[in-house]
Protein backbone atom coordinates (compact mmCIF):
# COMPACT_ATOMS: atom_id res chain seq x y z
CA THR A 1 185.33 43.75 -52.28
CA ILE A 2 185.92 40.00 -52.54
CA ASN A 3 183.24 38.10 -54.43
CA CYS A 4 183.44 34.30 -53.96
CA VAL A 5 181.71 32.45 -56.79
CA GLY A 6 181.52 28.65 -57.04
CA ALA A 7 183.96 28.22 -54.17
CA ASN A 8 183.98 25.70 -51.31
CA HIS A 9 185.45 27.29 -48.19
CA ASN A 10 184.88 28.48 -44.64
CA LEU A 11 185.95 32.08 -45.14
CA SER A 12 182.77 33.51 -43.67
CA ASP A 13 183.42 31.57 -40.45
CA VAL A 14 187.04 32.65 -39.94
CA LYS A 15 187.19 36.17 -41.42
CA VAL A 16 188.33 39.06 -39.24
CA ALA A 17 186.03 42.08 -39.26
CA ASN A 18 187.61 45.00 -41.15
CA GLN A 19 186.94 47.24 -44.15
CA VAL A 20 186.99 44.32 -46.63
CA SER A 21 183.58 43.33 -47.98
CA LEU A 22 183.15 39.56 -48.43
CA ILE A 23 180.36 38.27 -50.65
CA VAL A 24 180.04 34.49 -50.06
CA ASN A 25 178.47 32.18 -52.61
CA ASN A 26 179.52 28.61 -51.72
CA ALA A 27 178.97 25.89 -54.32
CA ALA A 28 178.53 23.35 -51.52
CA GLY A 29 179.02 22.99 -47.81
CA LEU A 30 182.63 22.71 -46.74
CA ILE A 31 183.66 19.12 -46.03
CA GLY A 32 185.44 19.04 -42.68
CA ASN A 33 188.49 16.99 -41.77
CA ALA A 34 186.42 14.51 -39.72
CA GLN A 35 184.33 13.62 -42.79
CA ILE A 36 187.40 13.29 -45.01
CA GLU A 37 189.16 11.07 -42.48
CA TYR A 38 186.13 8.79 -42.02
CA GLY A 39 185.70 8.32 -45.77
CA SER A 40 189.40 7.49 -46.20
CA PHE A 41 188.98 4.20 -44.31
CA GLY A 42 186.41 2.76 -46.73
CA ASP A 43 184.19 1.56 -43.85
CA MET A 44 186.92 -0.67 -42.37
CA VAL A 45 190.29 -0.64 -40.60
CA HIS A 46 193.24 -1.87 -42.66
CA LEU A 47 195.65 -4.18 -40.81
CA ASP A 48 199.00 -5.39 -42.15
CA PRO A 49 201.32 -7.08 -39.62
CA SER A 50 204.24 -6.43 -42.00
CA SER A 51 203.54 -2.67 -42.06
CA SER A 52 205.83 -0.21 -40.27
CA TYR A 53 202.96 1.92 -38.95
CA ALA A 54 201.65 1.65 -35.39
CA GLY A 55 199.36 3.85 -33.32
CA THR A 56 195.96 5.37 -33.97
CA ILE A 57 196.77 8.79 -35.45
CA PHE A 58 195.21 9.38 -38.88
CA PRO A 59 196.00 8.20 -41.56
CA THR A 60 197.19 5.05 -39.73
CA GLY A 61 194.65 2.29 -40.37
CA THR A 62 193.70 3.50 -43.86
CA PRO A 63 194.64 1.71 -47.12
CA GLN A 64 197.37 4.33 -47.54
CA GLN A 65 198.94 3.44 -44.19
CA PRO A 66 197.73 0.08 -42.73
CA VAL A 67 198.27 -0.36 -39.01
CA ASN A 68 200.63 -3.19 -38.01
CA ASN A 69 198.97 -4.61 -34.87
CA LEU A 70 195.54 -5.84 -33.84
CA THR A 71 195.35 -3.82 -30.60
CA ASP A 72 195.60 -0.50 -32.43
CA ALA A 73 193.29 -1.76 -35.19
CA LEU A 74 190.56 -2.55 -32.66
CA LEU A 75 191.02 0.83 -30.97
CA ILE A 76 190.71 2.65 -34.29
CA ALA A 77 187.62 0.59 -35.12
CA SER A 78 186.04 1.40 -31.76
CA THR A 79 186.78 5.12 -32.08
CA ARG A 80 185.56 5.38 -35.68
CA GLY A 81 182.59 3.03 -35.35
CA PHE A 82 183.84 0.30 -37.72
CA VAL A 83 183.20 -3.45 -37.35
CA LYS A 84 185.28 -4.64 -40.33
CA ILE A 85 189.03 -5.29 -40.49
CA ARG A 86 190.82 -5.84 -43.80
CA LEU A 87 193.80 -8.15 -43.26
CA TYR A 88 196.72 -7.76 -45.70
CA SER A 89 199.19 -10.44 -44.50
CA ASP A 90 199.34 -13.45 -42.15
CA LEU A 91 198.23 -12.92 -38.56
CA THR A 92 198.22 -15.08 -35.40
CA ILE A 93 195.86 -13.93 -32.65
CA SER A 94 196.87 -15.19 -29.23
CA ALA A 95 196.11 -12.26 -26.93
CA SER A 96 192.92 -11.99 -24.87
CA VAL A 97 191.05 -9.63 -27.16
CA ASP A 98 187.32 -9.35 -27.81
CA LEU A 99 186.50 -9.87 -31.48
CA SER A 100 182.78 -10.34 -30.90
CA GLY A 101 180.70 -8.89 -33.72
CA PHE A 102 183.70 -8.08 -35.92
CA SER A 103 184.40 -9.17 -39.49
CA ILE A 104 187.95 -10.00 -40.59
CA ILE A 105 188.28 -10.03 -44.38
CA GLY A 106 191.40 -11.11 -46.22
CA ARG A 107 192.78 -8.87 -48.92
CA THR A 108 193.34 -12.07 -50.89
CA ALA A 109 192.19 -15.61 -50.16
CA ASP A 110 195.72 -16.84 -49.34
CA VAL A 111 196.16 -14.47 -46.38
CA GLY A 112 196.65 -16.73 -43.36
CA LEU A 113 194.86 -16.42 -40.02
CA THR A 114 195.40 -18.44 -36.84
CA ILE A 115 193.17 -17.83 -33.82
CA GLN A 116 194.36 -19.45 -30.61
CA ALA A 117 192.27 -20.15 -27.54
CA ALA A 118 192.47 -16.81 -25.73
CA PRO A 119 190.31 -14.39 -27.82
CA THR A 120 186.55 -13.98 -27.48
CA VAL A 121 185.11 -14.72 -30.92
CA ALA A 122 181.33 -14.90 -30.46
CA ASN A 123 179.52 -13.77 -33.61
CA LEU A 124 182.81 -13.25 -35.43
CA THR A 125 182.70 -13.35 -39.26
CA LEU A 126 185.72 -14.47 -41.32
CA GLU A 127 185.92 -14.10 -45.11
CA ASP A 128 188.44 -14.72 -47.90
CA LEU A 129 191.14 -16.17 -45.63
CA THR A 130 193.21 -19.32 -45.14
CA ILE A 131 192.36 -20.33 -41.56
CA SER A 132 194.53 -22.96 -39.87
CA ASN A 133 195.17 -24.42 -36.42
CA SER A 134 192.47 -22.20 -34.94
CA THR A 135 190.11 -22.60 -32.02
CA PHE A 136 186.61 -21.11 -32.05
CA ASP A 137 184.51 -20.97 -28.90
CA GLY A 138 181.51 -18.98 -30.13
CA ASP A 139 178.99 -18.69 -32.93
CA VAL A 140 181.45 -18.03 -35.77
CA THR A 141 180.53 -17.53 -39.44
CA ILE A 142 183.18 -18.41 -42.03
CA ARG A 143 182.69 -17.67 -45.75
CA TYR A 144 184.78 -18.13 -48.90
CA ALA A 145 187.78 -19.43 -46.95
CA THR A 146 190.07 -22.43 -46.69
CA ILE A 147 189.86 -24.18 -43.30
CA GLU A 148 192.65 -26.51 -42.18
CA ASP A 149 193.05 -28.39 -38.88
CA CYS A 150 190.68 -26.33 -36.74
CA THR A 151 188.87 -27.23 -33.52
CA TYR A 152 185.65 -26.27 -31.77
CA VAL A 153 184.03 -24.86 -34.88
CA ASP A 154 180.54 -23.97 -33.72
CA GLY A 155 178.48 -21.97 -36.17
CA TYR A 156 178.08 -21.57 -39.92
CA ILE A 157 180.61 -22.39 -42.62
CA TYR A 158 179.68 -21.45 -46.20
CA ASN A 159 181.42 -22.10 -49.53
CA CYS A 160 184.74 -23.07 -47.95
CA GLY A 161 187.44 -25.57 -48.82
CA LEU A 162 188.16 -28.09 -46.03
CA ILE A 163 191.54 -29.70 -45.30
CA GLY A 164 192.64 -31.99 -42.48
CA ASP A 165 190.90 -32.34 -39.10
CA LEU A 166 187.83 -30.40 -38.07
CA THR A 167 186.53 -30.96 -34.52
CA LEU A 168 183.06 -29.91 -33.41
CA ALA A 169 182.12 -28.94 -29.87
CA GLY A 170 179.89 -26.58 -27.95
CA GLY A 171 176.76 -28.71 -27.89
CA ASP A 172 175.06 -26.82 -30.71
CA LYS A 173 174.22 -27.31 -34.37
CA SER A 174 176.95 -26.60 -36.90
CA VAL A 175 176.24 -26.00 -40.58
CA ILE A 176 178.81 -26.67 -43.32
CA ASP A 177 176.99 -25.39 -46.38
CA ASP A 178 178.06 -25.70 -50.03
CA CYS A 179 181.64 -26.65 -49.08
CA TYR A 180 184.19 -28.92 -50.74
CA THR A 181 187.40 -30.92 -50.33
CA ALA A 182 190.27 -28.47 -50.91
CA ASP A 183 193.14 -31.00 -50.96
CA GLN A 184 192.53 -34.51 -52.24
CA ASP A 185 195.75 -35.67 -50.53
CA ASP A 186 194.50 -34.49 -47.14
CA PRO A 187 190.69 -34.73 -47.25
CA PRO A 188 188.76 -33.47 -44.23
CA VAL A 189 187.98 -35.65 -41.21
CA ILE A 190 185.17 -34.22 -39.09
CA ASP A 191 185.20 -35.26 -35.44
CA MET A 192 181.67 -34.95 -34.03
CA GLY A 193 182.96 -34.67 -30.46
CA ALA A 194 181.21 -37.86 -29.26
CA SER A 195 177.85 -36.41 -28.18
CA GLY A 196 176.03 -33.11 -27.97
CA ASN A 197 176.74 -31.78 -31.45
CA ASP A 198 174.56 -31.84 -34.58
CA LEU A 199 175.85 -31.24 -38.10
CA ALA A 200 174.16 -30.32 -41.39
CA MET A 201 176.20 -30.49 -44.61
CA PRO A 202 174.01 -29.46 -47.57
CA ASN A 203 175.49 -29.69 -51.06
CA TYR A 204 178.94 -31.02 -50.12
CA SER A 205 181.37 -31.88 -52.91
CA GLY A 206 184.37 -34.20 -52.52
CA ILE A 207 185.67 -36.67 -49.95
CA VAL A 208 184.89 -36.45 -46.24
CA THR A 209 185.15 -38.75 -43.23
CA ILE A 210 182.81 -38.43 -40.24
CA LYS A 211 183.89 -39.99 -36.93
CA ASN A 212 183.22 -40.04 -33.19
CA LEU A 213 179.44 -39.60 -33.15
CA SER A 214 178.01 -41.48 -30.18
CA GLY A 215 175.12 -39.29 -29.00
CA ALA A 216 171.90 -41.24 -29.52
CA SER A 217 169.87 -38.05 -30.01
CA ASN A 218 172.37 -36.19 -32.20
CA GLU A 219 171.87 -35.81 -35.93
CA LEU A 220 174.07 -35.75 -38.99
CA GLY A 221 172.62 -34.72 -42.35
CA ILE A 222 174.66 -34.71 -45.56
CA GLY A 223 173.49 -33.59 -48.98
CA LEU A 224 176.19 -34.91 -51.31
CA ASP A 225 176.71 -33.10 -54.61
CA ALA A 226 179.53 -35.37 -55.78
CA GLY A 227 182.09 -37.57 -54.05
CA TYR A 228 181.78 -39.96 -51.13
CA VAL A 229 181.39 -40.04 -47.36
CA THR A 230 183.13 -42.43 -44.96
CA LEU A 231 181.50 -43.07 -41.58
């Protein structure tokens, strides 16, 4: 007779009928492999372009074994039901991939990201990254990042450092909220794209130049915390 006390197993499911008596007293339900695998990701796929791991077989894509390419990362996310990607080292996205609805979060704020014109980025969220020479063609939200020399930013930018040229387009209202000049030797110049674009800049701190606003019905609103604005 085998008496199981305080155990956590599936013996009653896999036992072979014979003369052995099995008395089962599980302490809790057995946690299956699918549950263990899902929890190992921490609600996001881990992507490190410098990693040696490719593919989608577990544990690839976990903190233990970050995947080294965006294509596999998106496939893992789709299969597992994740919408967040943790980025460990610099990445340039140039392929025609659909990032709509995803969040890309840097492991540290100095992780670099460049998004070229090909990807679909509507409703993309970017956090804790250094974003440079990127093109956005959708409603993108950027938080706690450094933004340098980017074009077609259409959406919401919050608590970010700005460097270099920032060009607006898309004919919609952009919000640059609670942001600041990140490099006093290369302060931001915001190109309004002539006409069609509105901009709100509440609580800005530092130096900023606004240029190329010719639309008679377009609006620019700046709430200056400290610093100066050149028109």
